[in-house]
Amino acid sequence: MKLANTLVAIAMTVTPALAQDGPAGNAEEYYSMRFSTAGLLVRAANVCGFDFKRTAKAALKVIRTDEMKAMLRGFPKLTTKWMEGGAHAFNQGVMQDGLSAACAKALEVRADVEGMK
């Protein structure tokens, strides 16, 4: 699976999924996208060497709502799994398409998150 099939898929769905105030359709997809995005950003913050604090802050923004906090408390193993999935997607992108491409895509994701209300 190429980076285009992992990070790009996350990046393409981040903005619409994160713009919602809550699950409009499938709740699991909504929650998993938020936690996967947070995991991807945390991993990118640790690997890419660009503004760690800003990227980590964006990761927290995705899961800082009361609803996401309730998910963390209620489903700690599941939310951890989702976050690890986002980190794994980032790692896959690095191994397949290189660090520069994966970091560039993570920067796009961070910009989308920073632009959400």
C-alpha atoms as a PDB file:
ATOM      1  CA  MET A   1       0.000   0.000   0.000  1.00  0.00           C
ATOM      2  CA  LYS A   2       1.459   3.338  -1.046  1.00  0.00           C
ATOM      3  CA  LEU A   3       1.389   6.533   0.944  1.00  0.00           C
ATOM      4  CA  ALA A   4      -1.373   7.663  -1.386  1.00  0.00           C
ATOM      5  CA  ASN A   5      -3.543   4.885   0.014  1.00  0.00           C
ATOM      6  CA  THR A   6      -2.891   5.589   3.697  1.00  0.00           C
ATOM      7  CA  LEU A   7      -1.953   9.150   4.603  1.00  0.00           C
ATOM      8  CA  VAL A   8      -3.726  10.678   1.639  1.00  0.00           C
ATOM      9  CA  ALA A   9      -6.895   8.771   2.503  1.00  0.00           C
ATOM     10  CA  ILE A  10      -6.728  10.166   6.020  1.00  0.00           C
ATOM     11  CA  ALA A  11      -5.927  13.657   4.768  1.00  0.00           C
ATOM     12  CA  MET A  12      -8.819  13.633   2.284  1.00  0.00           C
ATOM     13  CA  THR A  13     -11.345  12.710   4.948  1.00  0.00           C
ATOM     14  CA  VAL A  14      -9.944  14.789   7.801  1.00  0.00           C
ATOM     15  CA  THR A  15     -11.470  18.138   6.946  1.00  0.00           C
ATOM     16  CA  PRO A  16     -15.080  16.980   6.460  1.00  0.00           C
ATOM     17  CA  ALA A  17     -14.929  14.534   9.373  1.00  0.00           C
ATOM     18  CA  LEU A  18     -13.380  17.005  11.779  1.00  0.00           C
ATOM     19  CA  ALA A  19     -15.629  19.860  10.747  1.00  0.00           C
ATOM     20  CA  GLN A  20     -18.644  18.030  12.119  1.00  0.00           C
ATOM     21  CA  ASP A  21     -19.733  18.753  15.674  1.00  0.00           C
ATOM     22  CA  GLY A  22     -20.651  15.113  16.126  1.00  0.00           C
ATOM     23  CA  PRO A  23     -21.259  11.910  14.223  1.00  0.00           C
ATOM     24  CA  ALA A  24     -23.607  12.676  11.351  1.00  0.00           C
ATOM     25  CA  GLY A  25     -23.587   9.152   9.974  1.00  0.00           C
ATOM     26  CA  ASN A  26     -21.554   6.234  11.220  1.00  0.00           C
ATOM     27  CA  ALA A  27     -20.368   7.161  14.715  1.00  0.00           C
ATOM     28  CA  GLU A  28     -17.496   4.664  14.669  1.00  0.00           C
ATOM     29  CA  GLU A  29     -16.047   6.246  11.523  1.00  0.00           C
ATOM     30  CA  TYR A  30     -16.314   9.697  13.094  1.00  0.00           C
ATOM     31  CA  TYR A  31     -14.593   8.666  16.317  1.00  0.00           C
ATOM     32  CA  SER A  32     -11.948   6.510  14.669  1.00  0.00           C
ATOM     33  CA  MET A  33     -11.054   9.292  12.216  1.00  0.00           C
ATOM     34  CA  ARG A  34     -10.524  11.755  15.040  1.00  0.00           C
ATOM     35  CA  PHE A  35      -8.347   9.415  17.081  1.00  0.00           C
ATOM     36  CA  SER A  36      -6.440   8.187  14.000  1.00  0.00           C
ATOM     37  CA  THR A  37      -5.720  11.769  13.032  1.00  0.00           C
ATOM     38  CA  ALA A  38      -4.472  12.529  16.541  1.00  0.00           C
ATOM     39  CA  GLY A  39      -2.204   9.470  16.440  1.00  0.00           C
ATOM     40  CA  LEU A  40      -0.837  10.434  13.042  1.00  0.00           C
ATOM     41  CA  LEU A  41      -0.048  13.958  14.221  1.00  0.00           C
ATOM     42  CA  VAL A  42       1.609  12.806  17.442  1.00  0.00           C
ATOM     43  CA  ARG A  43       3.820  10.423  15.475  1.00  0.00           C
ATOM     44  CA  ALA A  44       4.647  13.101  12.909  1.00  0.00           C
ATOM     45  CA  ALA A  45       5.489  15.550  15.702  1.00  0.00           C
ATOM     46  CA  ASN A  46       8.033  13.066  17.033  1.00  0.00           C
ATOM     47  CA  VAL A  47       9.559  12.110  13.681  1.00  0.00           C
ATOM     48  CA  CYS A  48       9.461  15.054  11.291  1.00  0.00           C
ATOM     49  CA  GLY A  49      11.425  17.645  13.172  1.00  0.00           C
ATOM     50  CA  PHE A  50       8.989  20.457  12.483  1.00  0.00           C
ATOM     51  CA  ASP A  51       7.440  22.494  15.292  1.00  0.00           C
ATOM     52  CA  PHE A  52       6.716  19.713  17.795  1.00  0.00           C
ATOM     53  CA  LYS A  53       4.534  21.864  20.080  1.00  0.00           C
ATOM     54  CA  ARG A  54       2.354  23.154  17.254  1.00  0.00           C
ATOM     55  CA  THR A  55       1.813  19.678  15.823  1.00  0.00           C
ATOM     56  CA  ALA A  56       1.105  18.144  19.240  1.00  0.00           C
ATOM     57  CA  LYS A  57      -1.349  20.970  19.950  1.00  0.00           C
ATOM     58  CA  ALA A  58      -3.163  20.159  16.701  1.00  0.00           C
ATOM     59  CA  ALA A  59      -3.338  16.495  17.741  1.00  0.00           C
ATOM     60  CA  LEU A  60      -4.938  17.476  21.037  1.00  0.00           C
ATOM     61  CA  LYS A  61      -7.386  19.817  19.318  1.00  0.00           C
ATOM     62  CA  VAL A  62      -8.870  16.848  17.482  1.00  0.00           C
ATOM     63  CA  ILE A  63      -9.744  14.966  20.671  1.00  0.00           C
ATOM     64  CA  ARG A  64     -10.230  17.793  23.187  1.00  0.00           C
ATOM     65  CA  THR A  65     -14.027  17.953  23.064  1.00  0.00           C
ATOM     66  CA  ASP A  66     -16.156  16.607  25.905  1.00  0.00           C
ATOM     67  CA  GLU A  67     -17.462  13.906  23.589  1.00  0.00           C
ATOM     68  CA  MET A  68     -13.959  12.710  22.686  1.00  0.00           C
ATOM     69  CA  LYS A  69     -12.902  12.807  26.352  1.00  0.00           C
ATOM     70  CA  ALA A  70     -15.891  10.589  27.157  1.00  0.00           C
ATOM     71  CA  MET A  71     -14.786   8.177  24.429  1.00  0.00           C
ATOM     72  CA  LEU A  72     -11.274   8.103  25.932  1.00  0.00           C
ATOM     73  CA  ARG A  73     -12.652   7.290  29.379  1.00  0.00           C
ATOM     74  CA  GLY A  74     -15.238   4.814  28.166  1.00  0.00           C
ATOM     75  CA  PHE A  75     -13.214   2.987  25.548  1.00  0.00           C
ATOM     76  CA  PRO A  76      -9.516   3.378  26.408  1.00  0.00           C
ATOM     77  CA  LYS A  77      -8.337   0.286  24.530  1.00  0.00           C
ATOM     78  CA  LEU A  78     -10.320   1.114  21.408  1.00  0.00           C
ATOM     79  CA  THR A  79      -9.242   4.754  21.278  1.00  0.00           C
ATOM     80  CA  THR A  80      -5.618   3.686  21.815  1.00  0.00           C
ATOM     81  CA  LYS A  81      -5.994   1.229  18.937  1.00  0.00           C
ATOM     82  CA  TRP A  82      -7.305   3.986  16.679  1.00  0.00           C
ATOM     83  CA  MET A  83      -4.448   6.315  17.617  1.00  0.00           C
ATOM     84  CA  GLU A  84      -1.928   3.556  17.001  1.00  0.00           C
ATOM     85  CA  GLY A  85      -3.546   3.027  13.608  1.00  0.00           C
ATOM     86  CA  GLY A  86      -2.902   6.663  12.693  1.00  0.00           C
ATOM     87  CA  ALA A  87       0.705   6.381  13.846  1.00  0.00           C
ATOM     88  CA  HIS A  88       1.070   3.164  11.844  1.00  0.00           C
ATOM     89  CA  ALA A  89      -0.321   4.858   8.722  1.00  0.00           C
ATOM     90  CA  PHE A  90       2.301   7.561   9.118  1.00  0.00           C
ATOM     91  CA  ASN A  91       5.059   4.970   9.610  1.00  0.00           C
ATOM     92  CA  GLN A  92       3.905   3.091   6.514  1.00  0.00           C
ATOM     93  CA  GLY A  93       4.066   6.284   4.502  1.00  0.00           C
ATOM     94  CA  VAL A  94       7.617   6.924   5.701  1.00  0.00           C
ATOM     95  CA  MET A  95       8.768   3.407   4.832  1.00  0.00           C
ATOM     96  CA  GLN A  96       7.131   3.368   1.419  1.00  0.00           C
ATOM     97  CA  ASP A  97       7.447   6.904   0.110  1.00  0.00           C
ATOM     98  CA  GLY A  98      10.071   8.468   2.352  1.00  0.00           C
ATOM     99  CA  LEU A  99      10.177  10.810   5.273  1.00  0.00           C
ATOM    100  CA  SER A 100       9.788  13.992   3.244  1.00  0.00           C
ATOM    101  CA  ALA A 101       6.562  12.861   1.561  1.00  0.00           C
ATOM    102  CA  ALA A 102       5.032  11.581   4.809  1.00  0.00           C
ATOM    103  CA  CYS A 103       5.951  14.751   6.674  1.00  0.00           C
ATOM    104  CA  ALA A 104       4.551  16.925   3.892  1.00  0.00           C
ATOM    105  CA  LYS A 105       1.249  15.064   4.084  1.00  0.00           C
ATOM    106  CA  ALA A 106       1.238  15.370   7.882  1.00  0.00           C
ATOM    107  CA  LEU A 107       1.695  19.122   7.499  1.00  0.00           C
ATOM    108  CA  GLU A 108      -1.404  19.203   5.293  1.00  0.00           C
ATOM    109  CA  VAL A 109      -3.344  17.304   7.931  1.00  0.00           C
ATOM    110  CA  ARG A 110      -2.100  19.695  10.626  1.00  0.00           C
ATOM    111  CA  ALA A 111      -3.213  22.693   8.528  1.00  0.00           C
ATOM    112  CA  ASP A 112      -6.683  21.153   8.151  1.00  0.00           C
ATOM    113  CA  VAL A 113      -6.929  20.605  11.896  1.00  0.00           C
ATOM    114  CA  GLU A 114      -5.725  24.107  12.691  1.00  0.00           C
ATOM    115  CA  GLY A 115      -8.366  25.495  10.342  1.00  0.00           C
ATOM    116  CA  MET A 116     -11.271  23.740  12.037  1.00  0.00           C
ATOM    117  CA  LYS A 117     -13.508  25.709  14.377  1.00  0.00           C
END
